[in-house]
C-alpha atoms as a PDB file:
ATOM      1  CA  MET A   1      26.665 166.467 -99.007  1.00  0.00           C
ATOM      2  CA  LEU A   2      25.182 164.018 -96.674  1.00  0.00           C
ATOM      3  CA  VAL A   3      27.129 161.070 -96.170  1.00  0.00           C
ATOM      4  CA  VAL A   4      26.523 158.012 -94.955  1.00  0.00           C
ATOM      5  CA  HIS A   5      28.804 155.693 -92.837  1.00  0.00           C
ATOM      6  CA  TRP A   6      27.576 151.895 -92.432  1.00  0.00           C
ATOM      7  CA  ALA A   7      28.688 149.952 -89.245  1.00  0.00           C
ATOM      8  CA  LYS A   8      27.817 146.486 -87.959  1.00  0.00           C
ATOM      9  CA  HIS A   9      24.056 146.161 -86.926  1.00  0.00           C
ATOM     10  CA  ASN A  10      25.389 145.500 -83.117  1.00  0.00           C
ATOM     11  CA  ARG A  11      26.532 148.853 -82.869  1.00  0.00           C
ATOM     12  CA  THR A  12      23.827 151.219 -83.291  1.00  0.00           C
ATOM     13  CA  SER A  13      22.675 152.083 -80.217  1.00  0.00           C
ATOM     14  CA  SER A  14      26.283 152.592 -79.365  1.00  0.00           C
ATOM     15  CA  ILE A  15      27.089 155.050 -82.290  1.00  0.00           C
ATOM     16  CA  ARG A  16      23.566 157.082 -81.308  1.00  0.00           C
ATOM     17  CA  SER A  17      24.527 157.314 -77.937  1.00  0.00           C
ATOM     18  CA  ASN A  18      28.155 158.347 -78.079  1.00  0.00           C
ATOM     19  CA  GLY A  19      28.266 158.962 -81.969  1.00  0.00           C
ATOM     20  CA  ILE A  20      30.897 157.949 -84.629  1.00  0.00           C
ATOM     21  CA  ARG A  21      34.800 157.149 -83.575  1.00  0.00           C
ATOM     22  CA  PRO A  22      37.375 157.448 -85.596  1.00  0.00           C
ATOM     23  CA  SER A  23      39.096 153.775 -86.614  1.00  0.00           C
ATOM     24  CA  PHE A  24      41.253 151.816 -88.831  1.00  0.00           C
ATOM     25  CA  ARG A  25      40.527 149.722 -91.500  1.00  0.00           C
ATOM     26  CA  ARG A  26      41.469 146.342 -90.259  1.00  0.00           C
ATOM     27  CA  ARG A  27      42.500 143.006 -92.438  1.00  0.00           C
ATOM     28  CA  HIS A  28      43.710 140.296 -90.898  1.00  0.00           C
ATOM     29  CA  GLY A  29      44.756 141.941 -87.486  1.00  0.00           C
ATOM     30  CA  GLU A  30      47.009 144.597 -89.665  1.00  0.00           C
ATOM     31  CA  ARG A  31      46.151 148.195 -89.873  1.00  0.00           C
ATOM     32  CA  LYS A  32      45.458 149.424 -93.620  1.00  0.00           C
ATOM     33  CA  ASN A  33      44.368 153.108 -94.661  1.00  0.00           C
ATOM     34  CA  SER A  34      44.399 155.862 -91.679  1.00  0.00           C
ATOM     35  CA  LYS A  35      42.743 156.552 -89.313  1.00  0.00           C
ATOM     36  CA  GLY A  36      39.098 158.064 -89.512  1.00  0.00           C
ATOM     37  CA  VAL A  37      35.424 157.590 -90.073  1.00  0.00           C
ATOM     38  CA  TYR A  38      35.094 156.151 -93.436  1.00  0.00           C
ATOM     39  CA  VAL A  39      31.813 157.484 -95.130  1.00  0.00           C
ATOM     40  CA  PHE A  40      30.621 157.289 -98.895  1.00  0.00           C
ATOM     41  CA  PRO A  41      28.651 159.927-100.926  1.00  0.00           C
ATOM     42  CA  PHE A  42      24.988 159.574 -99.685  1.00  0.00           C
ATOM     43  CA  SER A  43      22.370 160.250-102.788  1.00  0.00           C
ATOM     44  CA  ARG A  44      18.613 159.129-103.263  1.00  0.00           C
ATOM     45  CA  ASN A  45      19.569 156.774-105.737  1.00  0.00           C
ATOM     46  CA  ARG A  46      19.241 153.346-103.961  1.00  0.00           C
ATOM     47  CA  THR A  47      21.861 151.720-105.813  1.00  0.00           C
ATOM     48  CA  LEU A  48      24.679 154.567-104.793  1.00  0.00           C
ATOM     49  CA  SER A  49      23.696 154.715-101.444  1.00  0.00           C
ATOM     50  CA  GLY A  50      23.879 151.025-100.518  1.00  0.00           C
ATOM     51  CA  ASN A  51      26.794 149.959-102.529  1.00  0.00           C
ATOM     52  CA  TRP A  52      29.518 149.578 -99.515  1.00  0.00           C
ATOM     53  CA  ARG A  53      26.978 148.059 -97.413  1.00  0.00           C
ATOM     54  CA  ARG A  54      26.608 145.165-100.272  1.00  0.00           C
ATOM     55  CA  ASN A  55      29.889 145.297-100.391  1.00  0.00           C
ATOM     56  CA  LEU A  56      30.534 144.889 -96.625  1.00  0.00           C
ATOM     57  CA  LYS A  57      27.700 142.121 -96.107  1.00  0.00           C
ATOM     58  CA  ALA A  58      29.820 140.261 -99.111  1.00  0.00           C
ATOM     59  CA  TRP A  59      33.696 140.379 -97.790  1.00  0.00           C
ATOM     60  CA  ASP A  60      32.577 139.394 -94.999  1.00  0.00           C
ATOM     61  CA  SER A  61      29.318 137.728 -93.977  1.00  0.00           C
ATOM     62  CA  LYS A  62      30.740 136.630 -90.416  1.00  0.00           C
ATOM     63  CA  LEU A  63      29.875 139.915 -89.397  1.00  0.00           C
ATOM     64  CA  GLY A  64      26.518 139.953 -90.017  1.00  0.00           C
ATOM     65  CA  ASN A  65      24.294 142.854 -91.336  1.00  0.00           C
ATOM     66  CA  TYR A  66      25.096 146.908 -91.557  1.00  0.00           C
ATOM     67  CA  ASN A  67      23.096 150.013 -90.985  1.00  0.00           C
ATOM     68  CA  GLY A  68      23.815 152.938 -92.118  1.00  0.00           C
ATOM     69  CA  PHE A  69      24.263 156.680 -90.403  1.00  0.00           C
ATOM     70  CA  VAL A  70      23.492 159.870 -92.402  1.00  0.00           C
ATOM     71  CA  PHE A  71      24.669 162.681 -91.326  1.00  0.00           C
ATOM     72  CA  ARG A  72      25.934 166.400 -93.627  1.00  0.00           C
ATOM     73  CA  LEU A  73      29.438 167.430 -93.855  1.00  0.00           C
ATOM     74  CA  THR A  74      30.407 170.156 -92.285  1.00  0.00           C
ATOM     75  CA  GLU A  75      33.716 172.623 -92.732  1.00  0.00           C
ATOM     76  CA  GLY A  76      34.657 171.105 -89.107  1.00  0.00           C
ATOM     77  CA  ASP A  77      35.034 167.765 -90.466  1.00  0.00           C
ATOM     78  CA  PHE A  78      37.920 169.448 -93.178  1.00  0.00           C
ATOM     79  CA  PRO A  79      40.545 168.598 -93.976  1.00  0.00           C
ATOM     80  CA  LEU A  80      39.756 165.039 -94.798  1.00  0.00           C
ATOM     81  CA  THR A  81      40.841 162.499 -97.707  1.00  0.00           C
ATOM     82  CA  ALA A  82      38.505 161.731-100.545  1.00  0.00           C
ATOM     83  CA  GLY A  83      39.029 159.661-103.936  1.00  0.00           C
ATOM     84  CA  TYR A  84      39.084 156.055-104.893  1.00  0.00           C
ATOM     85  CA  LEU A  85      40.242 153.386-102.222  1.00  0.00           C
ATOM     86  CA  PHE A  86      43.537 152.501-104.159  1.00  0.00           C
ATOM     87  CA  PHE A  87      44.308 155.668-104.489  1.00  0.00           C
ATOM     88  CA  ASN A  88      43.900 156.956-101.125  1.00  0.00           C
ATOM     89  CA  ARG A  89      46.060 153.664 -99.726  1.00  0.00           C
ATOM     90  CA  SER A  90      49.046 154.433-101.844  1.00  0.00           C
ATOM     91  CA  ARG A  91      49.092 158.281-102.390  1.00  0.00           C
ATOM     92  CA  TYR A  92      47.116 159.970 -99.284  1.00  0.00           C
ATOM     93  CA  GLU A  93      48.867 164.043-100.110  1.00  0.00           C
ATOM     94  CA  ASP A  94      46.955 163.309-103.721  1.00  0.00           C
ATOM     95  CA  SER A  95      43.261 162.908-102.251  1.00  0.00           C
ATOM     96  CA  PHE A  96      43.924 165.490 -99.715  1.00  0.00           C
ATOM     97  CA  VAL A  97      40.710 167.719 -99.717  1.00  0.00           C
ATOM     98  CA  LEU A  98      40.680 171.021 -97.568  1.00  0.00           C
ATOM     99  CA  THR A  99      37.417 172.650 -97.909  1.00  0.00           C
ATOM    100  CA  MET A 100      34.053 171.580 -98.774  1.00  0.00           C
ATOM    101  CA  LYS A 101      34.360 173.739-102.366  1.00  0.00           C
ATOM    102  CA  ASP A 102      37.314 171.549-103.434  1.00  0.00           C
ATOM    103  CA  LEU A 103      35.460 168.741-102.516  1.00  0.00           C
ATOM    104  CA  SER A 104      32.265 169.744-104.334  1.00  0.00           C
ATOM    105  CA  GLU A 105      34.402 170.997-107.548  1.00  0.00           C
ATOM    106  CA  LYS A 106      36.504 167.814-107.294  1.00  0.00           C
ATOM    107  CA  TYR A 107      34.268 164.879-106.545  1.00  0.00           C
ATOM    108  CA  GLY A 108      30.667 166.616-106.583  1.00  0.00           C
ATOM    109  CA  ASP A 109      28.709 163.757-109.196  1.00  0.00           C
ATOM    110  CA  PHE A 110      29.243 161.101-106.681  1.00  0.00           C
ATOM    111  CA  PHE A 111      26.307 162.589-105.046  1.00  0.00           C
ATOM    112  CA  SER A 112      23.823 162.615-107.551  1.00  0.00           C
ATOM    113  CA  GLY A 113      22.782 159.434-109.757  1.00  0.00           C
ATOM    114  CA  SER A 114      24.560 161.786-112.439  1.00  0.00           C
ATOM    115  CA  ILE A 115      27.268 159.886-111.932  1.00  0.00           C
ATOM    116  CA  LEU A 116      26.213 156.358-113.310  1.00  0.00           C
ATOM    117  CA  GLU A 117      25.773 157.666-116.391  1.00  0.00           C
ATOM    118  CA  PRO A 118      28.529 157.526-119.331  1.00  0.00           C
ATOM    119  CA  ASN A 119      30.743 160.923-120.258  1.00  0.00           C
ATOM    120  CA  ASP A 120      31.214 161.823-123.434  1.00  0.00           C
ATOM    121  CA  GLU A 121      33.538 159.200-124.195  1.00  0.00           C
ATOM    122  CA  GLY A 122      31.269 156.845-123.462  1.00  0.00           C
ATOM    123  CA  PHE A 123      33.119 155.666-119.798  1.00  0.00           C
ATOM    124  CA  CYS A 124      31.699 155.703-116.376  1.00  0.00           C
ATOM    125  CA  PHE A 125      33.032 156.507-113.268  1.00  0.00           C
ATOM    126  CA  ASN A 126      34.373 153.591-110.987  1.00  0.00           C
ATOM    127  CA  TRP A 127      31.564 154.834-108.191  1.00  0.00           C
ATOM    128  CA  GLU A 128      31.891 151.461-106.399  1.00  0.00           C
ATOM    129  CA  ASP A 129      35.554 152.271-105.223  1.00  0.00           C
ATOM    130  CA  PHE A 130      35.047 156.010-103.904  1.00  0.00           C
ATOM    131  CA  GLU A 131      34.982 156.938-100.260  1.00  0.00           C
ATOM    132  CA  ILE A 132      36.010 160.126 -97.693  1.00  0.00           C
ATOM    133  CA  ILE A 133      37.486 159.339 -94.521  1.00  0.00           C
ATOM    134  CA  ILE A 134      36.899 162.087 -91.876  1.00  0.00           C
ATOM    135  CA  PRO A 135      39.813 162.460 -89.433  1.00  0.00           C
ATOM    136  CA  ASN A 136      37.322 163.631 -86.361  1.00  0.00           C
ATOM    137  CA  ARG A 137      34.694 161.822 -84.354  1.00  0.00           C
ATOM    138  CA  ILE A 138      31.119 162.649 -85.980  1.00  0.00           C
ATOM    139  CA  ASP A 139      28.598 163.934 -82.730  1.00  0.00           C
ATOM    140  CA  PRO A 140      25.754 161.798 -82.044  1.00  0.00           C
ATOM    141  CA  LYS A 141      23.379 164.715 -82.535  1.00  0.00           C
ATOM    142  CA  ARG A 142      24.531 165.448 -86.030  1.00  0.00           C
ATOM    143  CA  ILE A 143      22.894 161.776 -87.539  1.00  0.00           C
ATOM    144  CA  LEU A 144      19.700 163.147 -89.331  1.00  0.00           C
ATOM    145  CA  LYS A 145      18.949 159.727 -90.342  1.00  0.00           C
ATOM    146  CA  VAL A 146      19.750 155.505 -89.669  1.00  0.00           C
ATOM    147  CA  ILE A 147      19.130 153.348 -92.627  1.00  0.00           C
ATOM    148  CA  ARG A 148      18.049 149.970 -90.891  1.00  0.00           C
ATOM    149  CA  ASP A 149      19.203 146.308 -92.597  1.00  0.00           C
ATOM    150  CA  ARG A 150      16.975 143.803 -91.844  1.00  0.00           C
ATOM    151  CA  GLU A 151      17.617 141.695 -88.807  1.00  0.00           C
ATOM    152  CA  PRO A 152      20.768 139.174 -88.966  1.00  0.00           C
ATOM    153  CA  SER A 153      19.131 136.080 -89.628  1.00  0.00           C
ATOM    154  CA  LYS A 154      19.286 133.050 -86.123  1.00  0.00           C
ATOM    155  CA  VAL A 155      20.908 130.427 -87.410  1.00  0.00           C
ATOM    156  CA  ASN A 156      20.703 126.967 -85.513  1.00  0.00           C
ATOM    157  CA  ALA A 157      23.281 125.420 -83.360  1.00  0.00           C
ATOM    158  CA  ARG A 158      24.600 123.014 -86.142  1.00  0.00           C
ATOM    159  CA  GLY A 159      25.209 126.244 -88.205  1.00  0.00           C
ATOM    160  CA  GLY A 160      22.267 124.641 -90.829  1.00  0.00           C
ATOM    161  CA  GLN A 161      19.470 126.837 -91.858  1.00  0.00           C
ATOM    162  CA  PRO A 162      17.792 129.776 -89.774  1.00  0.00           C
ATOM    163  CA  ASN A 163      15.616 129.012 -87.295  1.00  0.00           C
ATOM    164  CA  TYR A 164      12.124 130.774 -88.018  1.00  0.00           C
END
């Protein structure tokens, strides 16, 4: 299974040489959720794969653009936390996944475009809130692809329109 980690544009060279280190999710200076590498399912569906990049940019546009780092999950990444972000924060023990097989059985639809299609009852999964938290560092050799966002725009000294 392929996953993507979104990181600030200016961290690309550091990640390519040192890998992705586990960190805490922070909001207003305080720690939120557990320490880990936050990743999301990678799919050939661009809407599905790029959702978190768009979310991150919308939530805090001051942070700039994000690049995605695609890599394959391995058995060495387990156990990990997977599920909807609000469950991962409140009921950590319910989101714990021990093996690749368990992840595939429970959340395999998130890795395909079929997650966007309604089920028999007419409901779609809320794929926008799904995340995986890997407790281990990701070695730079494991990164298969870097999805580059556009270059951050240069804003003039008065904070107005971009200088071209």
